[in-house]
PDB file of N, CA and C in Angstrom:
ATOM      1  N   MET A   1      68.510 -25.049  95.574  1.00  0.00           N
ATOM      2  CA  MET A   1      69.290 -23.938  95.053  1.00  0.00           C
ATOM      3  C   MET A   1      69.973 -24.350  93.750  1.00  0.00           C
ATOM      4  N   ARG A   2      69.949 -23.453  92.812  1.00  0.00           N
ATOM      5  CA  ARG A   2      70.669 -23.681  91.553  1.00  0.00           C
ATOM      6  C   ARG A   2      71.900 -22.796  91.531  1.00  0.00           C
ATOM      7  N   ASN A   3      73.035 -23.421  91.282  1.00  0.00           N
ATOM      8  CA  ASN A   3      74.324 -22.734  91.249  1.00  0.00           C
ATOM      9  C   ASN A   3      74.932 -22.922  89.865  1.00  0.00           C
ATOM     10  N   LEU A   4      75.255 -21.826  89.215  1.00  0.00           N
ATOM     11  CA  LEU A   4      75.730 -21.817  87.836  1.00  0.00           C
ATOM     12  C   LEU A   4      77.185 -21.398  87.761  1.00  0.00           C
ATOM     13  N   ILE A   5      77.955 -22.084  86.928  1.00  0.00           N
ATOM     14  CA  ILE A   5      79.296 -21.621  86.554  1.00  0.00           C
ATOM     15  C   ILE A   5      79.234 -21.211  85.090  1.00  0.00           C
ATOM     16  N   ILE A   6      79.752 -20.028  84.809  1.00  0.00           N
ATOM     17  CA  ILE A   6      79.912 -19.572  83.431  1.00  0.00           C
ATOM     18  C   ILE A   6      81.405 -19.563  83.142  1.00  0.00           C
ATOM     19  N   THR A   7      81.790 -20.141  81.999  1.00  0.00           N
ATOM     20  CA  THR A   7      83.199 -20.207  81.650  1.00  0.00           C
ATOM     21  C   THR A   7      83.391 -20.110  80.143  1.00  0.00           C
ATOM     22  N   CYS A   8      84.580 -19.729  79.758  1.00  0.00           N
ATOM     23  CA  CYS A   8      85.003 -19.720  78.356  1.00  0.00           C
ATOM     24  C   CYS A   8      86.134 -20.726  78.206  1.00  0.00           C
ATOM     25  N   MET A   9      86.132 -21.437  77.098  1.00  0.00           N
ATOM     26  CA  MET A   9      87.171 -22.432  76.873  1.00  0.00           C
ATOM     27  C   MET A   9      87.684 -22.351  75.441  1.00  0.00           C
ATOM     28  N   ARG A  10      88.960 -22.641  75.327  1.00  0.00           N
ATOM     29  CA  ARG A  10      89.596 -22.832  74.029  1.00  0.00           C
ATOM     30  C   ARG A  10      90.642 -23.929  74.209  1.00  0.00           C
ATOM     31  N   ASN A  11      90.430 -25.055  73.552  1.00  0.00           N
ATOM     32  CA  ASN A  11      91.355 -26.187  73.611  1.00  0.00           C
ATOM     33  C   ASN A  11      91.615 -26.650  75.049  1.00  0.00           C
ATOM     34  N   GLU A  12      90.555 -27.036  75.725  1.00  0.00           N
ATOM     35  CA  GLU A  12      90.641 -27.484  77.119  1.00  0.00           C
ATOM     36  C   GLU A  12      90.176 -28.925  77.290  1.00  0.00           C
ATOM     37  N   ALA A  13      90.082 -29.695  76.220  1.00  0.00           N
ATOM     38  CA  ALA A  13      89.504 -31.044  76.276  1.00  0.00           C
ATOM     39  C   ALA A  13      90.048 -31.925  77.398  1.00  0.00           C
ATOM     40  N   PRO A  14      91.363 -31.957  77.659  1.00  0.00           N
ATOM     41  CA  PRO A  14      91.860 -32.880  78.686  1.00  0.00           C
ATOM     42  C   PRO A  14      91.367 -32.579  80.108  1.00  0.00           C
ATOM     43  N   PHE A  15      90.863 -31.394  80.337  1.00  0.00           N
ATOM     44  CA  PHE A  15      90.539 -30.954  81.695  1.00  0.00           C
ATOM     45  C   PHE A  15      89.047 -30.902  82.001  1.00  0.00           C
ATOM     46  N   ILE A  16      88.214 -30.974  80.998  1.00  0.00           N
ATOM     47  CA  ILE A  16      86.783 -30.704  81.141  1.00  0.00           C
ATOM     48  C   ILE A  16      86.069 -31.696  82.057  1.00  0.00           C
ATOM     49  N   LEU A  17      86.251 -32.980  81.835  1.00  0.00           N
ATOM     50  CA  LEU A  17      85.484 -33.971  82.605  1.00  0.00           C
ATOM     51  C   LEU A  17      85.764 -33.875  84.100  1.00  0.00           C
ATOM     52  N   GLU A  18      87.025 -33.774  84.473  1.00  0.00           N
ATOM     53  CA  GLU A  18      87.362 -33.670  85.898  1.00  0.00           C
ATOM     54  C   GLU A  18      86.782 -32.399  86.497  1.00  0.00           C
ATOM     55  N   TRP A  19      86.893 -31.296  85.778  1.00  0.00           N
ATOM     56  CA  TRP A  19      86.421 -29.997  86.267  1.00  0.00           C
ATOM     57  C   TRP A  19      84.908 -30.007  86.477  1.00  0.00           C
ATOM     58  N   VAL A  20      84.170 -30.509  85.494  1.00  0.00           N
ATOM     59  CA  VAL A  20      82.704 -30.576  85.617  1.00  0.00           C
ATOM     60  C   VAL A  20      82.314 -31.527  86.746  1.00  0.00           C
ATOM     61  N   ALA A  21      82.928 -32.709  86.789  1.00  0.00           N
ATOM     62  CA  ALA A  21      82.589 -33.694  87.825  1.00  0.00           C
ATOM     63  C   ALA A  21      82.855 -33.136  89.219  1.00  0.00           C
ATOM     64  N   TYR A  22      84.000 -32.501  89.407  1.00  0.00           N
ATOM     65  CA  TYR A  22      84.321 -31.944  90.723  1.00  0.00           C
ATOM     66  C   TYR A  22      83.288 -30.898  91.137  1.00  0.00           C
ATOM     67  N   HIS A  23      83.015 -29.960  90.256  1.00  0.00           N
ATOM     68  CA  HIS A  23      82.103 -28.877  90.632  1.00  0.00           C
ATOM     69  C   HIS A  23      80.666 -29.359  90.812  1.00  0.00           C
ATOM     70  N   ARG A  24      80.259 -30.380  90.064  1.00  0.00           N
ATOM     71  CA  ARG A  24      78.939 -30.994  90.312  1.00  0.00           C
ATOM     72  C   ARG A  24      78.928 -31.644  91.693  1.00  0.00           C
ATOM     73  N   SER A  25      80.036 -32.271  92.068  1.00  0.00           N
ATOM     74  CA  SER A  25      80.077 -32.985  93.350  1.00  0.00           C
ATOM     75  C   SER A  25      79.983 -32.059  94.553  1.00  0.00           C
ATOM     76  N   ILE A  26      80.359 -30.791  94.387  1.00  0.00           N
ATOM     77  CA  ILE A  26      80.266 -29.865  95.522  1.00  0.00           C
ATOM     78  C   ILE A  26      79.002 -29.007  95.484  1.00  0.00           C
ATOM     79  N   GLY A  27      78.184 -29.171  94.429  1.00  0.00           N
ATOM     80  CA  GLY A  27      76.891 -28.491  94.448  1.00  0.00           C
ATOM     81  C   GLY A  27      76.568 -27.572  93.294  1.00  0.00           C
ATOM     82  N   PHE A  28      77.430 -27.466  92.303  1.00  0.00           N
ATOM     83  CA  PHE A  28      77.053 -26.681  91.129  1.00  0.00           C
ATOM     84  C   PHE A  28      76.096 -27.511  90.293  1.00  0.00           C
ATOM     85  N   THR A  29      74.994 -26.905  89.890  1.00  0.00           N
ATOM     86  CA  THR A  29      73.941 -27.608  89.174  1.00  0.00           C
ATOM     87  C   THR A  29      73.924 -27.297  87.691  1.00  0.00           C
ATOM     88  N   ASP A  30      74.478 -26.158  87.316  1.00  0.00           N
ATOM     89  CA  ASP A  30      74.401 -25.697  85.930  1.00  0.00           C
ATOM     90  C   ASP A  30      75.764 -25.185  85.475  1.00  0.00           C
ATOM     91  N   PHE A  31      76.055 -25.438  84.205  1.00  0.00           N
ATOM     92  CA  PHE A  31      77.311 -24.996  83.603  1.00  0.00           C
ATOM     93  C   PHE A  31      76.987 -24.378  82.254  1.00  0.00           C
ATOM     94  N   LEU A  32      77.440 -23.166  82.039  1.00  0.00           N
ATOM     95  CA  LEU A  32      77.277 -22.489  80.760  1.00  0.00           C
ATOM     96  C   LEU A  32      78.677 -22.280  80.198  1.00  0.00           C
ATOM     97  N   VAL A  33      78.979 -22.993  79.099  1.00  0.00           N
ATOM     98  CA  VAL A  33      80.334 -23.002  78.554  1.00  0.00           C
ATOM     99  C   VAL A  33      80.334 -22.400  77.156  1.00  0.00           C
ATOM    100  N   PHE A  34      81.126 -21.365  76.974  1.00  0.00           N
ATOM    101  CA  PHE A  34      81.333 -20.741  75.674  1.00  0.00           C
ATOM    102  C   PHE A  34      82.682 -21.199  75.138  1.00  0.00           C
ATOM    103  N   THR A  35      82.721 -21.546  73.845  1.00  0.00           N
ATOM    104  CA  THR A  35      83.993 -21.923  73.236  1.00  0.00           C
ATOM    105  C   THR A  35      84.236 -21.122  71.969  1.00  0.00           C
ATOM    106  N   ASN A  36      85.509 -21.012  71.638  1.00  0.00           N
ATOM    107  CA  ASN A  36      85.886 -20.396  70.374  1.00  0.00           C
ATOM    108  C   ASN A  36      87.214 -20.989  69.884  1.00  0.00           C
ATOM    109  N   ASP A  37      87.290 -21.205  68.582  1.00  0.00           N
ATOM    110  CA  ASP A  37      88.518 -21.618  67.892  1.00  0.00           C
ATOM    111  C   ASP A  37      89.138 -22.897  68.439  1.00  0.00           C
ATOM    112  N   CYS A  38      88.347 -23.868  68.847  1.00  0.00           N
ATOM    113  CA  CYS A  38      88.886 -25.120  69.392  1.00  0.00           C
ATOM    114  C   CYS A  38      89.263 -26.071  68.249  1.00  0.00           C
ATOM    115  N   ASP A  39      90.383 -26.745  68.418  1.00  0.00           N
ATOM    116  CA  ASP A  39      90.781 -27.751  67.437  1.00  0.00           C
ATOM    117  C   ASP A  39      91.300 -29.027  68.108  1.00  0.00           C
ATOM    118  N   ASP A  40      90.959 -29.218  69.376  1.00  0.00           N
ATOM    119  CA  ASP A  40      91.434 -30.393  70.121  1.00  0.00           C
ATOM    120  C   ASP A  40      90.312 -31.304  70.591  1.00  0.00           C
ATOM    121  N   GLY A  41      89.094 -31.113  70.096  1.00  0.00           N
ATOM    122  CA  GLY A  41      87.973 -31.937  70.518  1.00  0.00           C
ATOM    123  C   GLY A  41      87.145 -31.339  71.640  1.00  0.00           C
ATOM    124  N   THR A  42      87.517 -30.166  72.111  1.00  0.00           N
ATOM    125  CA  THR A  42      86.762 -29.515  73.188  1.00  0.00           C
ATOM    126  C   THR A  42      85.291 -29.372  72.819  1.00  0.00           C
ATOM    127  N   ASP A  43      85.007 -28.867  71.616  1.00  0.00           N
ATOM    128  CA  ASP A  43      83.617 -28.659  71.197  1.00  0.00           C
ATOM    129  C   ASP A  43      82.840 -29.969  71.165  1.00  0.00           C
ATOM    130  N   SER A  44      83.454 -31.017  70.628  1.00  0.00           N
ATOM    131  CA  SER A  44      82.775 -32.320  70.546  1.00  0.00           C
ATOM    132  C   SER A  44      82.471 -32.878  71.930  1.00  0.00           C
ATOM    133  N   LEU A  45      83.431 -32.788  72.820  1.00  0.00           N
ATOM    134  CA  LEU A  45      83.232 -33.267  74.189  1.00  0.00           C
ATOM    135  C   LEU A  45      82.109 -32.490  74.870  1.00  0.00           C
ATOM    136  N   LEU A  46      82.117 -31.180  74.725  1.00  0.00           N
ATOM    137  CA  LEU A  46      81.075 -30.359  75.345  1.00  0.00           C
ATOM    138  C   LEU A  46      79.708 -30.621  74.727  1.00  0.00           C
ATOM    139  N   GLU A  47      79.655 -30.888  73.438  1.00  0.00           N
ATOM    140  CA  GLU A  47      78.373 -31.219  72.808  1.00  0.00           C
ATOM    141  C   GLU A  47      77.826 -32.521  73.390  1.00  0.00           C
ATOM    142  N   GLY A  48      78.694 -33.497  73.602  1.00  0.00           N
ATOM    143  CA  GLY A  48      78.259 -34.743  74.239  1.00  0.00           C
ATOM    144  C   GLY A  48      77.745 -34.513  75.646  1.00  0.00           C
ATOM    145  N   LEU A  49      78.453 -33.686  76.407  1.00  0.00           N
ATOM    146  CA  LEU A  49      78.008 -33.355  77.764  1.00  0.00           C
ATOM    147  C   LEU A  49      76.692 -32.580  77.740  1.00  0.00           C
ATOM    148  N   ALA A  50      76.524 -31.733  76.741  1.00  0.00           N
ATOM    149  CA  ALA A  50      75.271 -30.979  76.611  1.00  0.00           C
ATOM    150  C   ALA A  50      74.113 -31.914  76.275  1.00  0.00           C
ATOM    151  N   GLU A  51      74.342 -32.863  75.363  1.00  0.00           N
ATOM    152  CA  GLU A  51      73.290 -33.816  75.007  1.00  0.00           C
ATOM    153  C   GLU A  51      72.882 -34.664  76.208  1.00  0.00           C
ATOM    154  N   ALA A  52      73.840 -34.935  77.098  1.00  0.00           N
ATOM    155  CA  ALA A  52      73.549 -35.721  78.307  1.00  0.00           C
ATOM    156  C   ALA A  52      72.962 -34.867  79.421  1.00  0.00           C
ATOM    157  N   GLY A  53      72.895 -33.551  79.227  1.00  0.00           N
ATOM    158  CA  GLY A  53      72.274 -32.666  80.211  1.00  0.00           C
ATOM    159  C   GLY A  53      73.209 -32.127  81.279  1.00  0.00           C
ATOM    160  N   TYR A  54      74.514 -32.278  81.091  1.00  0.00           N
ATOM    161  CA  TYR A  54      75.458 -31.820  82.108  1.00  0.00           C
ATOM    162  C   TYR A  54      75.886 -30.365  81.948  1.00  0.00           C
ATOM    163  N   VAL A  55      75.882 -29.860  80.731  1.00  0.00           N
ATOM    164  CA  VAL A  55      76.303 -28.480  80.485  1.00  0.00           C
ATOM    165  C   VAL A  55      75.430 -27.884  79.397  1.00  0.00           C
ATOM    166  N   GLN A  56      75.490 -26.569  79.292  1.00  0.00           N
ATOM    167  CA  GLN A  56      74.981 -25.876  78.118  1.00  0.00           C
ATOM    168  C   GLN A  56      76.203 -25.352  77.387  1.00  0.00           C
ATOM    169  N   HIS A  57      76.315 -25.674  76.111  1.00  0.00           N
ATOM    170  CA  HIS A  57      77.485 -25.282  75.329  1.00  0.00           C
ATOM    171  C   HIS A  57      77.052 -24.345  74.209  1.00  0.00           C
ATOM    172  N   LEU A  58      77.724 -23.206  74.114  1.00  0.00           N
ATOM    173  CA  LEU A  58      77.446 -22.238  73.062  1.00  0.00           C
ATOM    174  C   LEU A  58      78.751 -21.808  72.410  1.00  0.00           C
ATOM    175  N   GLU A  59      78.673 -21.583  71.118  1.00  0.00           N
ATOM    176  CA  GLU A  59      79.807 -20.973  70.419  1.00  0.00           C
ATOM    177  C   GLU A  59      79.869 -19.522  70.885  1.00  0.00           C
ATOM    178  N   ASN A  60      81.050 -19.079  71.235  1.00  0.00           N
ATOM    179  CA  ASN A  60      81.212 -17.723  71.751  1.00  0.00           C
ATOM    180  C   ASN A  60      80.921 -16.706  70.639  1.00  0.00           C
ATOM    181  N   PRO A  61      79.942 -15.812  70.857  1.00  0.00           N
ATOM    182  CA  PRO A  61      79.554 -14.854  69.826  1.00  0.00           C
ATOM    183  C   PRO A  61      80.365 -13.550  69.837  1.00  0.00           C
ATOM    184  N   TRP A  62      81.443 -13.498  70.580  1.00  0.00           N
ATOM    185  CA  TRP A  62      82.136 -12.231  70.807  1.00  0.00           C
ATOM    186  C   TRP A  62      82.596 -11.549  69.531  1.00  0.00           C
ATOM    187  N   GLU A  63      82.958 -12.289  68.500  1.00  0.00           N
ATOM    188  CA  GLU A  63      83.455 -11.643  67.276  1.00  0.00           C
ATOM    189  C   GLU A  63      82.354 -10.921  66.513  1.00  0.00           C
ATOM    190  N   GLN A  64      81.097 -11.313  66.718  1.00  0.00           N
ATOM    191  CA  GLN A  64      79.978 -10.661  66.034  1.00  0.00           C
ATOM    192  C   GLN A  64      79.397  -9.497  66.832  1.00  0.00           C
ATOM    193  N   MET A  65      79.890  -9.293  68.031  1.00  0.00           N
ATOM    194  CA  MET A  65      79.321  -8.267  68.896  1.00  0.00           C
ATOM    195  C   MET A  65      79.930  -6.903  68.613  1.00  0.00           C
ATOM    196  N   LYS A  66      79.119  -5.869  68.825  1.00  0.00           N
ATOM    197  CA  LYS A  66      79.627  -4.500  68.736  1.00  0.00           C
ATOM    198  C   LYS A  66      80.627  -4.258  69.852  1.00  0.00           C
ATOM    199  N   ASN A  67      81.591  -3.429  69.595  1.00  0.00           N
ATOM    200  CA  ASN A  67      82.573  -3.042  70.612  1.00  0.00           C
ATOM    201  C   ASN A  67      83.189  -4.243  71.307  1.00  0.00           C
ATOM    202  N   ARG A  68      83.517  -5.271  70.549  1.00  0.00           N
ATOM    203  CA  ARG A  68      84.086  -6.468  71.171  1.00  0.00           C
ATOM    204  C   ARG A  68      85.405  -6.134  71.847  1.00  0.00           C
ATOM    205  N   ILE A  69      85.584  -6.687  73.027  1.00  0.00           N
ATOM    206  CA  ILE A  69      86.787  -6.432  73.809  1.00  0.00           C
ATOM    207  C   ILE A  69      87.675  -7.669  73.786  1.00  0.00           C
ATOM    208  N   ASN A  70      87.150  -8.771  74.283  1.00  0.00           N
ATOM    209  CA  ASN A  70      87.854 -10.051  74.254  1.00  0.00           C
ATOM    210  C   ASN A  70      86.814 -11.162  74.407  1.00  0.00           C
ATOM    211  N   PRO A  71      87.203 -12.417  74.169  1.00  0.00           N
ATOM    212  CA  PRO A  71      86.206 -13.498  74.230  1.00  0.00           C
ATOM    213  C   PRO A  71      85.495 -13.614  75.572  1.00  0.00           C
ATOM    214  N   GLN A  72      86.221 -13.475  76.667  1.00  0.00           N
ATOM    215  CA  GLN A  72      85.587 -13.637  77.980  1.00  0.00           C
ATOM    216  C   GLN A  72      84.544 -12.553  78.237  1.00  0.00           C
ATOM    217  N   LYS A  73      84.914 -11.320  78.030  1.00  0.00           N
ATOM    218  CA  LYS A  73      83.966 -10.227  78.277  1.00  0.00           C
ATOM    219  C   LYS A  73      82.782 -10.295  77.317  1.00  0.00           C
ATOM    220  N   GLY A  74      83.037 -10.690  76.083  1.00  0.00           N
ATOM    221  CA  GLY A  74      81.953 -10.831  75.118  1.00  0.00           C
ATOM    222  C   GLY A  74      80.965 -11.902  75.547  1.00  0.00           C
ATOM    223  N   ALA A  75      81.483 -13.048  75.989  1.00  0.00           N
ATOM    224  CA  ALA A  75      80.613 -14.138  76.435  1.00  0.00           C
ATOM    225  C   ALA A  75      79.803 -13.720  77.656  1.00  0.00           C
ATOM    226  N   LEU A  76      80.436 -13.042  78.588  1.00  0.00           N
ATOM    227  CA  LEU A  76      79.722 -12.603  79.789  1.00  0.00           C
ATOM    228  C   LEU A  76      78.626 -11.607  79.448  1.00  0.00           C
ATOM    229  N   ARG A  77      78.934 -10.678  78.550  1.00  0.00           N
ATOM    230  CA  ARG A  77      77.897  -9.730  78.129  1.00  0.00           C
ATOM    231  C   ARG A  77      76.732 -10.449  77.469  1.00  0.00           C
ATOM    232  N   TYR A  78      77.042 -11.374  76.598  1.00  0.00           N
ATOM    233  CA  TYR A  78      76.016 -12.141  75.904  1.00  0.00           C
ATOM    234  C   TYR A  78      75.178 -12.954  76.894  1.00  0.00           C
ATOM    235  N   SER A  79      75.822 -13.537  77.885  1.00  0.00           N
ATOM    236  CA  SER A  79      75.110 -14.401  78.826  1.00  0.00           C
ATOM    237  C   SER A  79      74.110 -13.648  79.691  1.00  0.00           C
ATOM    238  N   GLU A  80      74.299 -12.347  79.851  1.00  0.00           N
ATOM    239  CA  GLU A  80      73.383 -11.555  80.686  1.00  0.00           C
ATOM    240  C   GLU A  80      71.932 -11.703  80.262  1.00  0.00           C
ATOM    241  N   ASP A  81      71.690 -11.904  78.972  1.00  0.00           N
ATOM    242  CA  ASP A  81      70.324 -11.973  78.453  1.00  0.00           C
ATOM    243  C   ASP A  81      69.800 -13.397  78.294  1.00  0.00           C
ATOM    244  N   LEU A  82      70.583 -14.392  78.697  1.00  0.00           N
ATOM    245  CA  LEU A  82      70.139 -15.778  78.567  1.00  0.00           C
ATOM    246  C   LEU A  82      69.218 -16.153  79.721  1.00  0.00           C
ATOM    247  N   PRO A  83      68.185 -16.933  79.445  1.00  0.00           N
ATOM    248  CA  PRO A  83      67.223 -17.307  80.493  1.00  0.00           C
ATOM    249  C   PRO A  83      67.873 -17.982  81.698  1.00  0.00           C
ATOM    250  N   ILE A  84      68.872 -18.809  81.492  1.00  0.00           N
ATOM    251  CA  ILE A  84      69.466 -19.537  82.609  1.00  0.00           C
ATOM    252  C   ILE A  84      70.026 -18.598  83.673  1.00  0.00           C
ATOM    253  N   VAL A  85      70.522 -17.460  83.268  1.00  0.00           N
ATOM    254  CA  VAL A  85      71.104 -16.504  84.219  1.00  0.00           C
ATOM    255  C   VAL A  85      70.034 -15.980  85.173  1.00  0.00           C
ATOM    256  N   ALA A  86      68.833 -15.785  84.670  1.00  0.00           N
ATOM    257  CA  ALA A  86      67.732 -15.314  85.515  1.00  0.00           C
ATOM    258  C   ALA A  86      67.140 -16.439  86.371  1.00  0.00           C
ATOM    259  N   GLU A  87      67.357 -17.682  85.963  1.00  0.00           N
ATOM    260  CA  GLU A  87      66.728 -18.818  86.645  1.00  0.00           C
ATOM    261  C   GLU A  87      67.518 -19.349  87.841  1.00  0.00           C
ATOM    262  N   VAL A  88      68.811 -19.050  87.916  1.00  0.00           N
ATOM    263  CA  VAL A  88      69.645 -19.637  88.970  1.00  0.00           C
ATOM    264  C   VAL A  88      69.721 -18.712  90.184  1.00  0.00           C
ATOM    265  N   ASP A  89      70.177 -19.280  91.301  1.00  0.00           N
ATOM    266  CA  ASP A  89      70.296 -18.521  92.536  1.00  0.00           C
ATOM    267  C   ASP A  89      71.665 -17.863  92.703  1.00  0.00           C
ATOM    268  N   ARG A  90      72.703 -18.548  92.215  1.00  0.00           N
ATOM    269  CA  ARG A  90      74.072 -18.034  92.363  1.00  0.00           C
ATOM    270  C   ARG A  90      74.841 -18.285  91.083  1.00  0.00           C
ATOM    271  N   ILE A  91      75.812 -17.392  90.803  1.00  0.00           N
ATOM    272  CA  ILE A  91      76.634 -17.522  89.598  1.00  0.00           C
ATOM    273  C   ILE A  91      78.098 -17.337  89.972  1.00  0.00           C
ATOM    274  N   LEU A  92      78.929 -18.203  89.426  1.00  0.00           N
ATOM    275  CA  LEU A  92      80.381 -18.078  89.546  1.00  0.00           C
ATOM    276  C   LEU A  92      80.956 -17.993  88.147  1.00  0.00           C
ATOM    277  N   ILE A  93      81.859 -17.042  87.941  1.00  0.00           N
ATOM    278  CA  ILE A  93      82.616 -16.953  86.700  1.00  0.00           C
ATOM    279  C   ILE A  93      83.956 -17.610  86.991  1.00  0.00           C
ATOM    280  N   SER A  94      84.318 -18.627  86.206  1.00  0.00           N
ATOM    281  CA  SER A  94      85.515 -19.404  86.512  1.00  0.00           C
ATOM    282  C   SER A  94      86.166 -19.920  85.245  1.00  0.00           C
ATOM    283  N   ASP A  95      87.455 -20.157  85.312  1.00  0.00           N
ATOM    284  CA  ASP A  95      88.177 -20.833  84.241  1.00  0.00           C
ATOM    285  C   ASP A  95      88.275 -22.312  84.566  1.00  0.00           C
ATOM    286  N   VAL A  96      88.560 -23.119  83.567  1.00  0.00           N
ATOM    287  CA  VAL A  96      88.615 -24.567  83.746  1.00  0.00           C
ATOM    288  C   VAL A  96      89.819 -25.004  84.582  1.00  0.00           C
ATOM    289  N   ASP A  97      90.755 -24.124  84.832  1.00  0.00           N
ATOM    290  CA  ASP A  97      91.885 -24.468  85.708  1.00  0.00           C
ATOM    291  C   ASP A  97      91.696 -23.927  87.121  1.00  0.00           C
ATOM    292  N   GLU A  98      90.495 -23.459  87.419  1.00  0.00           N
ATOM    293  CA  GLU A  98      90.190 -22.935  88.753  1.00  0.00           C
ATOM    294  C   GLU A  98      89.154 -23.842  89.417  1.00  0.00           C
ATOM    295  N   TYR A  99      89.425 -24.190  90.664  1.00  0.00           N
ATOM    296  CA  TYR A  99      88.538 -25.067  91.426  1.00  0.00           C
ATOM    297  C   TYR A  99      88.119 -24.361  92.711  1.00  0.00           C
ATOM    298  N   VAL A 100      86.838 -24.440  93.042  1.00  0.00           N
ATOM    299  CA  VAL A 100      86.342 -23.908  94.300  1.00  0.00           C
ATOM    300  C   VAL A 100      86.821 -24.853  95.396  1.00  0.00           C
ATOM    301  N   ASN A 101      87.517 -24.312  96.380  1.00  0.00           N
ATOM    302  CA  ASN A 101      88.131 -25.107  97.429  1.00  0.00           C
ATOM    303  C   ASN A 101      87.485 -24.721  98.763  1.00  0.00           C
ATOM    304  N   ILE A 102      86.644 -25.580  99.283  1.00  0.00           N
ATOM    305  CA  ILE A 102      85.850 -25.279 100.474  1.00  0.00           C
ATOM    306  C   ILE A 102      86.393 -26.064 101.670  1.00  0.00           C
ATOM    307  N   HIS A 103      86.636 -25.362 102.770  1.00  0.00           N
ATOM    308  CA  HIS A 103      87.217 -25.980 103.972  1.00  0.00           C
ATOM    309  C   HIS A 103      86.289 -25.899 105.180  1.00  0.00           C
ATOM    310  N   VAL A 104      84.998 -25.991 104.954  1.00  0.00           N
ATOM    311  CA  VAL A 104      84.039 -26.023 106.055  1.00  0.00           C
ATOM    312  C   VAL A 104      83.053 -27.157 105.808  1.00  0.00           C
ATOM    313  N   GLY A 105      82.497 -27.676 106.894  1.00  0.00           N
ATOM    314  CA  GLY A 105      81.482 -28.727 106.790  1.00  0.00           C
ATOM    315  C   GLY A 105      81.933 -29.886 105.938  1.00  0.00           C
ATOM    316  N   ASP A 106      81.055 -30.305 105.033  1.00  0.00           N
ATOM    317  CA  ASP A 106      81.365 -31.442 104.173  1.00  0.00           C
ATOM    318  C   ASP A 106      82.004 -31.037 102.841  1.00  0.00           C
ATOM    319  N   GLY A 107      82.421 -29.781 102.724  1.00  0.00           N
ATOM    320  CA  GLY A 107      83.112 -29.320 101.525  1.00  0.00           C
ATOM    321  C   GLY A 107      82.211 -28.946 100.370  1.00  0.00           C
ATOM    322  N   THR A 108      80.917 -28.816 100.642  1.00  0.00           N
ATOM    323  CA  THR A 108      79.967 -28.467  99.587  1.00  0.00           C
ATOM    324  C   THR A 108      79.648 -26.975  99.613  1.00  0.00           C
ATOM    325  N   LEU A 109      79.040 -26.514  98.541  1.00  0.00           N
ATOM    326  CA  LEU A 109      78.593 -25.119  98.496  1.00  0.00           C
ATOM    327  C   LEU A 109      77.590 -24.836  99.602  1.00  0.00           C
ATOM    328  N   GLU A 110      76.700 -25.789  99.838  1.00  0.00           N
ATOM    329  CA  GLU A 110      75.682 -25.585 100.869  1.00  0.00           C
ATOM    330  C   GLU A 110      76.338 -25.400 102.238  1.00  0.00           C
ATOM    331  N   ALA A 111      77.360 -26.188 102.530  1.00  0.00           N
ATOM    332  CA  ALA A 111      78.077 -26.032 103.798  1.00  0.00           C
ATOM    333  C   ALA A 111      78.745 -24.664 103.875  1.00  0.00           C
ATOM    334  N   LEU A 112      79.300 -24.227 102.780  1.00  0.00           N
ATOM    335  CA  LEU A 112      79.945 -22.913 102.751  1.00  0.00           C
ATOM    336  C   LEU A 112      78.929 -21.815 103.030  1.00  0.00           C
ATOM    337  N   PHE A 113      77.786 -21.856 102.355  1.00  0.00           N
ATOM    338  CA  PHE A 113      76.802 -20.807 102.550  1.00  0.00           C
ATOM    339  C   PHE A 113      76.155 -20.857 103.922  1.00  0.00           C
ATOM    340  N   GLN A 114      76.024 -22.043 104.499  1.00  0.00           N
ATOM    341  CA  GLN A 114      75.527 -22.147 105.884  1.00  0.00           C
ATOM    342  C   GLN A 114      76.528 -21.509 106.844  1.00  0.00           C
ATOM    343  N   GLU A 115      77.788 -21.723 106.602  1.00  0.00           N
ATOM    344  CA  GLU A 115      78.837 -21.134 107.449  1.00  0.00           C
ATOM    345  C   GLU A 115      78.818 -19.613 107.361  1.00  0.00           C
ATOM    346  N   LEU A 116      78.478 -19.085 106.204  1.00  0.00           N
ATOM    347  CA  LEU A 116      78.479 -17.643 105.998  1.00  0.00           C
ATOM    348  C   LEU A 116      77.236 -16.961 106.558  1.00  0.00           C
ATOM    349  N   ASP A 117      76.164 -17.715 106.751  1.00  0.00           N
ATOM    350  CA  ASP A 117      74.901 -17.110 107.270  1.00  0.00           C
ATOM    351  C   ASP A 117      75.018 -16.738 108.717  1.00  0.00           C
TER     352      ASP A 117
END
């Protein structure tokens, strides 16, 4: 199973590594990260993670979109047409300060979904 998190970030460098590592450890396989207006190294860190294959990092295109509402909604609209969205089994929209907290089985996504079946 492929599990994707889509998120938007702006100046989140201190939190990225822990957040990605935690969510990978519980079963998320893919990360799609949109950024805009970062000046704290967030973009550089995400580019390194992308080169290593841990995330996909894109500059948030929301300002160029018609009827732009806000960065998050713009990124989500844009992501609808990306191949990765069609390739995965499950998608979570999350912020970098939000953690999936599972209290069944071994604490993984698979344990959670087995419990729900």
